Amino acid sequence: MSTLQNRQFKLTSRPTGMVKRGDFEFVSTPAGEPGPGEALVKVLYLSLDPAMRGWMNAGRSYIAPVGIGEVMRAGGIGRVVASKDAALAVGDTVVGMTGVQDYAIAKAKELTKVDARLAPLPRYLGALGMPGLTAYFGLLDIGQPKEGETVVVSAAAGAVGAVVGQIAKIKGCRVVGIAGGPDKCRYIVEELGFDAAVDYKNEDVRAGLARHCPKGIDIYFDNVGGDILDTVLSMLARRARVIVCGAISQYNNHEAIQGPRNYLSLLVNHALMEGFVVFDYAARFPEGVQALAGWMFGGKLKAREDVVEGLETFPDTLQKLFRGENFGKLVIKVADE
């Protein structure tokens, strides 16, 4: 296997503001051989996620930062081409943390086998992967939606937000999505079944939410932070739940992150605000996947992927997330299936 050449993106500097191609080195090295308990995986698709921006920063977080000179961390799906663990065979399709590269050597116990016949492979990085699980556990465990409640979700056409809104509808809630542009707003209402959409790029968010949530907001699933979070906090219903999943509007700030100014609304409305990381629920991932797959194959859950071809496009493709240009789950196609 040492004859296989492995292209890799390695982090060379801590980005300031928006990630740049110059923050990485694009190198080619031999793929290497797996050791005992490991497998060599040919990466087919890579998952691009907002969390990747935080992984590049030094400092304390829920996971250690990517080290300078290390392969950039990323989730991926691929096929086993060599294995030294009885749990995996050559040809198995697996999901795991592969890194931004053509080939990954990983411990077999850290890879999950999936059935490539049941769904398109990119879907295992989206609605049937970490974004879907993030939506599932965040909304159901923290939000605890009840029939008839009003749920608002930001970045509603994104990988997590789209699933949040659909699960909320399954649970009998009224769902309002905040998304950027008429195409995305039309998509979440006409194709995903949201009750209403607010176009943050072309209308006043406060006025839109006031129109669609006249009795206040019972659950807010926050993916963006910043001004939109502040607006929603001022419109909470009594005993509302605010789920902090991400703050994509803040990740590339040159200054300090803007925190919520309207947090006293939590006091006035006896509301709760809680952050979480999907890895907290690792022991329950099979439960989540089973539920998501059941809804999907039953026609209750739809998904969309935004596929960009070419590993070499990684730094530029990653920027699509922070410019709001992706439509659905953003993935890079690294190799043909």
Protein backbone atom coordinates (compact mmCIF):
# COMPACT_ATOMS: atom_id res chain seq x y z
CA MET A 1 0.00 0.00 0.00
CA SER A 2 2.99 2.32 0.40
CA THR A 3 2.86 3.01 -3.37
CA LEU A 4 -0.43 4.90 -2.87
CA GLN A 5 0.10 8.64 -2.82
CA ASN A 6 -1.90 10.57 -0.25
CA ARG A 7 -2.70 14.24 -0.80
CA GLN A 8 -3.26 16.08 2.48
CA PHE A 9 -4.15 19.56 3.70
CA LYS A 10 -2.11 20.40 6.79
CA LEU A 11 -2.82 23.38 9.03
CA THR A 12 0.14 25.77 8.98
CA SER A 13 -1.22 28.80 10.87
CA ARG A 14 -4.08 29.83 13.13
CA PRO A 15 -6.52 31.72 10.89
CA THR A 16 -7.45 35.29 11.67
CA GLY A 17 -10.91 36.08 10.38
CA MET A 18 -11.94 34.05 7.33
CA VAL A 19 -9.98 30.89 6.60
CA LYS A 20 -7.51 31.33 3.72
CA ARG A 21 -5.72 28.89 1.44
CA GLY A 22 -2.47 30.24 2.90
CA ASP A 23 -3.44 28.77 6.32
CA PHE A 24 -2.79 25.30 4.89
CA GLU A 25 -0.07 23.35 3.13
CA PHE A 26 -1.15 20.92 0.38
CA VAL A 27 1.29 18.01 0.37
CA SER A 28 1.56 14.50 -1.05
CA THR A 29 3.05 11.60 0.94
CA PRO A 30 2.84 7.78 0.86
CA ALA A 31 -0.45 6.53 2.31
CA GLY A 32 1.26 4.15 4.73
CA GLU A 33 0.17 0.82 6.18
CA PRO A 34 -2.37 0.20 8.94
CA GLY A 35 -1.12 -1.22 12.21
CA PRO A 36 -2.80 -3.78 14.47
CA GLY A 37 -6.43 -2.80 15.12
CA GLU A 38 -6.37 -0.25 12.31
CA ALA A 39 -7.67 0.12 8.77
CA LEU A 40 -6.60 2.12 5.74
CA VAL A 41 -9.58 3.95 4.24
CA LYS A 42 -9.85 5.51 0.79
CA VAL A 43 -11.82 8.70 1.37
CA LEU A 44 -14.72 9.20 -1.05
CA TYR A 45 -16.51 12.21 0.47
CA LEU A 46 -15.53 14.76 3.12
CA SER A 47 -17.89 16.59 5.44
CA LEU A 48 -17.44 20.36 5.73
CA ASP A 49 -18.89 21.74 8.96
CA PRO A 50 -18.89 25.12 10.72
CA ALA A 51 -17.21 23.49 13.73
CA MET A 52 -14.04 23.11 11.67
CA ARG A 53 -13.38 26.82 12.10
CA GLY A 54 -13.28 26.42 15.89
CA TRP A 55 -10.99 23.40 15.64
CA MET A 56 -8.34 25.64 14.07
CA ASN A 57 -8.21 27.98 17.06
CA ALA A 58 -5.88 27.54 19.99
CA GLY A 59 -7.44 27.51 23.43
CA ARG A 60 -9.75 25.44 25.57
CA SER A 61 -12.75 23.87 23.88
CA TYR A 62 -14.75 20.62 23.86
CA ILE A 63 -12.04 19.05 21.67
CA ALA A 64 -8.32 19.70 21.30
CA PRO A 65 -7.43 22.09 18.47
CA VAL A 66 -5.81 20.80 15.31
CA GLY A 67 -2.07 21.11 15.82
CA ILE A 68 0.09 23.20 13.54
CA GLY A 69 1.52 20.82 10.94
CA GLU A 70 -1.26 18.26 11.44
CA VAL A 71 -3.74 17.07 8.82
CA MET A 72 -6.89 19.18 9.04
CA ARG A 73 -9.57 17.36 11.00
CA ALA A 74 -12.75 16.40 9.11
CA GLY A 75 -15.37 13.71 9.05
CA GLY A 76 -15.55 11.54 5.98
CA ILE A 77 -16.94 8.42 4.37
CA GLY A 78 -14.87 5.93 2.42
CA ARG A 79 -14.00 2.33 1.67
CA VAL A 80 -11.59 0.08 3.49
CA VAL A 81 -8.63 -0.85 1.27
CA ALA A 82 -6.57 -2.62 3.93
CA SER A 83 -7.45 -3.87 7.41
CA LYS A 84 -5.66 -5.36 10.38
CA ASP A 85 -8.76 -5.75 12.50
CA ALA A 86 -11.29 -8.58 12.25
CA ALA A 87 -14.18 -6.13 12.59
CA LEU A 88 -13.49 -4.56 9.18
CA ALA A 89 -12.99 -6.16 5.79
CA VAL A 90 -11.63 -4.77 2.55
CA GLY A 91 -14.55 -3.20 0.69
CA ASP A 92 -16.50 -2.15 3.80
CA THR A 93 -17.97 1.36 3.67
CA VAL A 94 -17.18 3.32 6.82
CA VAL A 95 -17.77 6.72 8.39
CA GLY A 96 -15.36 8.41 10.79
CA MET A 97 -12.86 11.20 11.32
CA THR A 98 -10.72 10.80 8.22
CA GLY A 99 -9.09 14.21 7.93
CA VAL A 100 -8.78 16.24 4.74
CA GLN A 101 -6.85 13.73 2.68
CA ASP A 102 -7.17 10.94 0.12
CA TYR A 103 -6.38 8.08 2.53
CA ALA A 104 -6.81 7.81 6.27
CA ILE A 105 -5.39 5.30 8.75
CA ALA A 106 -7.79 4.98 11.67
CA LYS A 107 -8.51 2.65 14.55
CA ALA A 108 -11.23 0.21 13.54
CA LYS A 109 -13.18 0.92 16.73
CA GLU A 110 -13.43 4.59 15.70
CA LEU A 111 -14.99 3.75 12.32
CA THR A 112 -18.66 2.91 11.79
CA LYS A 113 -19.79 0.58 9.03
CA VAL A 114 -22.75 1.75 6.92
CA ASP A 115 -24.77 0.10 4.18
CA ALA A 116 -23.96 1.88 0.93
CA ARG A 117 -27.06 0.38 -0.68
CA LEU A 118 -29.55 2.16 1.57
CA ALA A 119 -28.77 5.82 0.85
CA PRO A 120 -26.42 8.02 -1.20
CA LEU A 121 -23.05 8.10 0.54
CA PRO A 122 -23.07 11.90 1.23
CA ARG A 123 -26.29 11.40 3.21
CA TYR A 124 -24.30 9.53 5.87
CA LEU A 125 -22.40 12.80 6.41
CA GLY A 126 -25.63 14.81 6.62
CA ALA A 127 -29.13 13.81 7.66
CA LEU A 128 -28.02 10.27 8.58
CA GLY A 129 -24.76 11.48 10.14
CA MET A 130 -23.53 14.03 12.66
CA PRO A 131 -25.75 16.92 11.50
CA GLY A 132 -28.86 14.75 11.70
CA LEU A 133 -27.87 13.45 15.11
CA THR A 134 -27.14 17.00 16.27
CA ALA A 135 -30.66 18.02 15.25
CA TYR A 136 -32.23 14.92 16.80
CA PHE A 137 -30.65 15.09 20.25
CA GLY A 138 -30.55 18.88 20.51
CA LEU A 139 -34.21 19.37 19.69
CA LEU A 140 -35.67 16.34 21.43
CA ASP A 141 -33.49 16.12 24.56
CA ILE A 142 -32.97 19.81 25.27
CA GLY A 143 -35.93 21.40 23.49
CA GLN A 144 -38.45 18.71 24.47
CA PRO A 145 -41.01 19.94 21.91
CA LYS A 146 -44.70 19.60 22.64
CA GLU A 147 -47.51 19.48 20.11
CA GLY A 148 -48.74 22.95 19.18
CA GLU A 149 -45.61 24.81 20.29
CA THR A 150 -43.84 27.29 18.03
CA VAL A 151 -40.29 26.32 17.05
CA VAL A 152 -37.89 28.73 15.32
CA VAL A 153 -34.62 27.52 13.79
CA SER A 154 -31.87 29.61 12.21
CA ALA A 155 -29.73 28.48 9.26
CA ALA A 156 -32.88 26.53 8.47
CA ALA A 157 -31.78 25.36 5.01
CA GLY A 158 -28.48 24.04 6.35
CA ALA A 159 -27.56 20.48 7.28
CA VAL A 160 -28.68 20.74 10.92
CA GLY A 161 -31.46 23.31 10.65
CA ALA A 162 -33.35 21.51 7.90
CA VAL A 163 -33.54 18.35 10.02
CA VAL A 164 -34.50 20.27 13.16
CA GLY A 165 -37.48 21.82 11.42
CA GLN A 166 -38.70 18.55 9.97
CA ILE A 167 -38.45 16.72 13.30
CA ALA A 168 -40.37 19.55 14.94
CA LYS A 169 -43.12 19.12 12.34
CA ILE A 170 -43.17 15.37 12.99
CA LYS A 171 -43.74 16.22 16.67
CA GLY A 172 -46.72 18.42 15.82
CA CYS A 173 -45.12 21.85 16.24
CA ARG A 174 -45.51 25.03 14.23
CA VAL A 175 -42.13 25.69 12.61
CA VAL A 176 -40.62 28.94 11.37
CA GLY A 177 -37.23 28.87 9.66
CA ILE A 178 -34.77 31.73 9.26
CA ALA A 179 -32.76 31.39 6.03
CA GLY A 180 -30.91 33.55 3.53
CA GLY A 181 -32.49 34.25 0.16
CA PRO A 182 -35.80 33.46 -1.53
CA ASP A 183 -34.66 30.09 -2.91
CA LYS A 184 -33.76 28.74 0.52
CA CYS A 185 -36.93 30.13 2.08
CA ARG A 186 -39.04 28.61 -0.66
CA TYR A 187 -37.26 25.27 -0.22
CA ILE A 188 -37.89 24.95 3.51
CA VAL A 189 -41.58 25.83 3.16
CA GLU A 190 -42.54 24.12 -0.10
CA GLU A 191 -40.29 21.05 0.06
CA LEU A 192 -39.56 20.50 3.76
CA GLY A 193 -42.96 21.51 5.10
CA PHE A 194 -42.01 24.42 7.39
CA ASP A 195 -44.99 26.63 8.19
CA ALA A 196 -43.19 29.87 7.37
CA ALA A 197 -39.80 31.34 6.55
CA VAL A 198 -38.03 34.61 7.35
CA ASP A 199 -35.44 35.78 4.82
CA TYR A 200 -32.76 37.46 6.92
CA LYS A 201 -31.04 38.82 3.81
CA ASN A 202 -34.08 40.61 2.43
CA GLU A 203 -36.45 41.40 5.29
CA ASP A 204 -36.47 42.60 8.87
CA VAL A 205 -36.07 39.52 11.04
CA ARG A 206 -37.94 40.97 14.01
CA ALA A 207 -40.91 41.96 11.86
CA GLY A 208 -40.96 38.57 10.16
CA LEU A 209 -40.88 36.66 13.44
CA ALA A 210 -43.54 38.92 14.96
CA ARG A 211 -45.78 38.13 12.00
CA HIS A 212 -45.27 34.37 12.13
CA CYS A 213 -44.96 33.93 15.92
CA PRO A 214 -47.70 36.16 17.39
CA LYS A 215 -47.77 34.24 20.69
CA GLY A 216 -43.99 34.19 21.09
CA ILE A 217 -41.34 31.54 20.51
CA ASP A 218 -41.43 28.37 22.60
CA ILE A 219 -38.24 26.77 21.26
CA TYR A 220 -35.35 28.40 19.43
CA PHE A 221 -32.64 26.23 17.87
CA ASP A 222 -29.70 28.58 17.37
CA ASN A 223 -27.08 27.93 14.71
CA VAL A 224 -25.94 31.49 14.08
CA GLY A 225 -25.66 33.59 17.27
CA GLY A 226 -25.16 37.34 16.93
CA ASP A 227 -27.99 39.74 16.13
CA ILE A 228 -30.48 37.02 15.24
CA LEU A 229 -30.03 35.35 18.63
CA ASP A 230 -30.58 38.71 20.33
CA THR A 231 -33.74 39.30 18.33
CA VAL A 232 -35.17 35.90 19.20
CA LEU A 233 -34.35 36.31 22.90
CA SER A 234 -36.54 39.41 22.97
CA MET A 235 -39.49 37.41 21.59
CA LEU A 236 -39.53 34.34 23.83
CA ALA A 237 -42.71 32.83 25.23
CA ARG A 238 -42.96 31.90 28.89
CA ARG A 239 -40.82 28.86 29.78
CA ALA A 240 -39.16 28.88 26.38
CA ARG A 241 -36.12 26.73 25.63
CA VAL A 242 -33.14 28.10 23.70
CA ILE A 243 -30.80 25.45 22.28
CA VAL A 244 -27.29 26.72 21.51
CA CYS A 245 -25.84 24.56 18.75
CA GLY A 246 -23.56 27.02 16.96
CA ALA A 247 -22.78 30.65 16.20
CA ILE A 248 -21.61 30.73 12.61
CA SER A 249 -22.05 34.51 12.39
CA GLN A 250 -19.28 34.90 14.99
CA TYR A 251 -16.64 32.34 14.03
CA ASN A 252 -14.60 34.63 11.77
CA ASN A 253 -14.74 37.75 13.95
CA HIS A 254 -11.54 39.75 14.24
CA GLU A 255 -12.79 41.06 17.58
CA ALA A 256 -14.24 39.24 20.58
CA ILE A 257 -17.33 37.13 20.00
CA GLN A 258 -20.56 39.09 20.43
CA GLY A 259 -22.53 37.58 23.29
CA PRO A 260 -26.28 37.86 23.85
CA ARG A 261 -27.38 41.30 25.03
CA ASN A 262 -30.99 40.33 25.68
CA TYR A 263 -30.24 37.50 28.08
CA LEU A 264 -32.45 39.01 30.80
CA SER A 265 -35.39 37.78 28.73
CA LEU A 266 -34.49 34.34 30.13
CA LEU A 267 -35.21 35.69 33.61
CA VAL A 268 -38.40 37.49 32.70
CA ASN A 269 -39.83 34.53 30.81
CA HIS A 270 -38.57 31.79 33.13
CA ALA A 271 -36.77 30.41 30.08
CA LEU A 272 -33.83 28.04 29.71
CA MET A 273 -30.77 28.38 27.47
CA GLU A 274 -28.47 25.41 27.07
CA GLY A 275 -25.55 24.54 24.83
CA PHE A 276 -24.51 21.05 23.81
CA VAL A 277 -22.11 19.05 21.66
CA VAL A 278 -23.39 16.02 19.77
CA PHE A 279 -20.52 13.86 21.02
CA ASP A 280 -22.19 14.04 24.45
CA TYR A 281 -24.72 11.57 23.05
CA ALA A 282 -22.25 9.11 21.49
CA ALA A 283 -23.64 6.16 23.47
CA ARG A 284 -27.09 6.85 21.99
CA PHE A 285 -26.06 7.37 18.35
CA PRO A 286 -27.65 4.05 17.23
CA GLU A 287 -30.99 5.25 18.64
CA GLY A 288 -30.75 8.50 16.71
CA VAL A 289 -29.71 6.90 13.42
CA GLN A 290 -32.52 4.37 13.67
CA ALA A 291 -35.11 7.11 14.22
CA LEU A 292 -33.75 9.34 11.45
CA ALA A 293 -33.56 6.47 8.98
CA GLY A 294 -37.11 5.40 9.85
CA TRP A 295 -38.46 8.89 9.17
CA MET A 296 -36.43 9.18 5.97
CA PHE A 297 -37.50 5.84 4.52
CA GLY A 298 -41.07 6.60 5.62
CA GLY A 299 -41.05 9.82 3.57
CA LYS A 300 -41.23 12.14 6.59
CA LEU A 301 -37.65 13.43 6.41
CA LYS A 302 -36.01 14.89 3.31
CA ALA A 303 -32.38 15.82 2.77
CA ARG A 304 -30.25 17.71 0.30
CA GLU A 305 -26.50 17.73 -0.29
CA ASP A 306 -24.31 20.40 -1.87
CA VAL A 307 -21.47 18.43 -3.48
CA VAL A 308 -18.28 20.11 -4.69
CA GLU A 309 -15.76 17.98 -6.58
CA GLY A 310 -12.05 17.89 -5.82
CA LEU A 311 -9.99 17.60 -2.64
CA GLU A 312 -7.84 20.46 -3.90
CA THR A 313 -10.81 22.85 -3.56
CA PHE A 314 -10.98 22.42 0.24
CA PRO A 315 -9.96 25.90 1.52
CA ASP A 316 -12.19 27.69 -0.97
CA THR A 317 -15.12 25.31 -0.56
CA LEU A 318 -14.97 25.67 3.24
CA GLN A 319 -15.55 29.40 2.86
CA LYS A 320 -18.96 28.71 1.28
CA LEU A 321 -20.24 27.81 4.75
CA PHE A 322 -19.39 31.19 6.22
CA ARG A 323 -20.71 33.14 3.23
CA GLY A 324 -24.02 31.25 3.40
CA GLU A 325 -23.53 29.93 -0.13
CA ASN A 326 -24.11 26.23 0.52
CA PHE A 327 -27.58 24.82 -0.03
CA GLY A 328 -27.97 21.75 2.16
CA LYS A 329 -25.16 19.64 3.60
CA LEU A 330 -21.81 20.75 2.14
CA VAL A 331 -19.48 17.92 1.12
CA ILE A 332 -16.42 17.49 -1.07
CA LYS A 333 -16.28 14.54 -3.46
CA VAL A 334 -12.73 13.25 -3.18
CA ALA A 335 -12.90 10.13 -5.37
CA ASP A 336 -15.34 8.14 -7.48
CA GLU A 337 -17.30 5.47 -5.69
